[in-house]
Amino acid sequence: MNHLSENELRELIEIVVYSHGSHLSEEVFNDAVLMLFGDIAGMESCLLHDHYLDLLWDLYYDRRKQID
C-alpha cells in the first residue's frame, strides 16, 4: 500500500482524534500517525511518510479549527 484515498486519510484522523484527542501539537500528532503506520501493512516502510504527515496534519488542523 503506497497511496491512501481521501476517505482513508480522514479515517486515520478520526482514529488519532479518538485515541489521542483533538488538540495535539504537530509533533505529538506526527508520533501518533507514525504509530498507526506501524500497524498498517505496507505503511511501515512507505517512502511517503513525510508527504502523508504533512497532508494529515493539514486535514487535522483544519478539522480542529472547525471544532473550536
Protein backbone atom coordinates (compact mmCIF):
# COMPACT_ATOMS: atom_id res chain seq x y z
CA MET A 1 0.00 0.00 0.00
CA ASN A 2 1.60 3.24 -1.13
CA HIS A 3 -1.36 5.51 -1.65
CA LEU A 4 -4.23 6.36 0.67
CA SER A 5 -7.58 7.66 -0.51
CA GLU A 6 -9.10 10.81 0.96
CA ASN A 7 -11.54 8.62 2.92
CA GLU A 8 -8.67 6.59 4.35
CA LEU A 9 -6.84 9.78 5.33
CA ARG A 10 -9.93 11.10 7.11
CA GLU A 11 -10.39 7.74 8.87
CA LEU A 12 -6.80 7.96 10.14
CA ILE A 13 -7.51 11.42 11.50
CA GLU A 14 -10.63 10.15 13.27
CA ILE A 15 -8.60 7.33 14.83
CA VAL A 16 -6.00 9.80 16.09
CA VAL A 17 -8.69 12.11 17.48
CA TYR A 18 -10.46 9.20 19.18
CA SER A 19 -7.29 7.78 20.71
CA HIS A 20 -5.25 10.93 21.40
CA GLY A 21 -7.59 13.91 21.34
CA SER A 22 -8.33 16.83 19.08
CA HIS A 23 -5.85 19.41 20.41
CA LEU A 24 -2.47 17.84 19.71
CA SER A 25 0.72 19.65 18.80
CA GLU A 26 2.11 18.78 15.38
CA GLU A 27 4.90 16.74 16.98
CA VAL A 28 2.53 14.63 19.10
CA PHE A 29 0.16 14.24 16.14
CA ASN A 30 3.00 13.00 13.92
CA ASP A 31 4.08 10.50 16.57
CA ALA A 32 0.51 9.17 16.78
CA VAL A 33 0.27 8.84 13.00
CA LEU A 34 3.62 7.07 12.77
CA MET A 35 2.45 4.58 15.41
CA LEU A 36 -0.62 3.92 13.26
CA PHE A 37 1.52 3.49 10.16
CA GLY A 38 3.41 0.75 12.01
CA ASP A 39 0.13 -1.15 12.31
CA ILE A 40 -0.92 -0.77 8.66
CA ALA A 41 0.53 -3.35 6.30
CA GLY A 42 2.83 -1.67 3.81
CA MET A 43 2.86 1.71 5.54
CA GLU A 44 5.64 0.92 8.00
CA SER A 45 8.13 1.12 5.14
CA CYS A 46 6.30 3.63 2.96
CA LEU A 47 8.56 6.21 1.35
CA LEU A 48 5.78 8.80 1.52
CA HIS A 49 5.75 9.25 5.32
CA ASP A 50 6.67 12.93 5.18
CA HIS A 51 4.09 13.60 2.46
CA TYR A 52 1.36 11.87 4.45
CA LEU A 53 2.37 13.53 7.72
CA ASP A 54 2.10 16.96 6.11
CA LEU A 55 -1.19 16.15 4.42
CA LEU A 56 -2.71 14.56 7.52
CA TRP A 57 -1.59 17.45 9.74
CA ASP A 58 -3.25 19.95 7.40
CA LEU A 59 -6.51 17.98 7.46
CA TYR A 60 -6.33 17.52 11.24
CA TYR A 61 -5.58 21.19 11.84
CA ASP A 62 -8.45 22.29 9.58
CA ARG A 63 -10.77 19.91 11.45
CA ARG A 64 -9.56 21.28 14.77
CA LYS A 65 -10.21 24.88 13.70
CA GLN A 66 -13.78 23.97 12.72
CA ILE A 67 -14.43 22.44 16.15
CA ASP A 68 -13.04 25.39 18.14
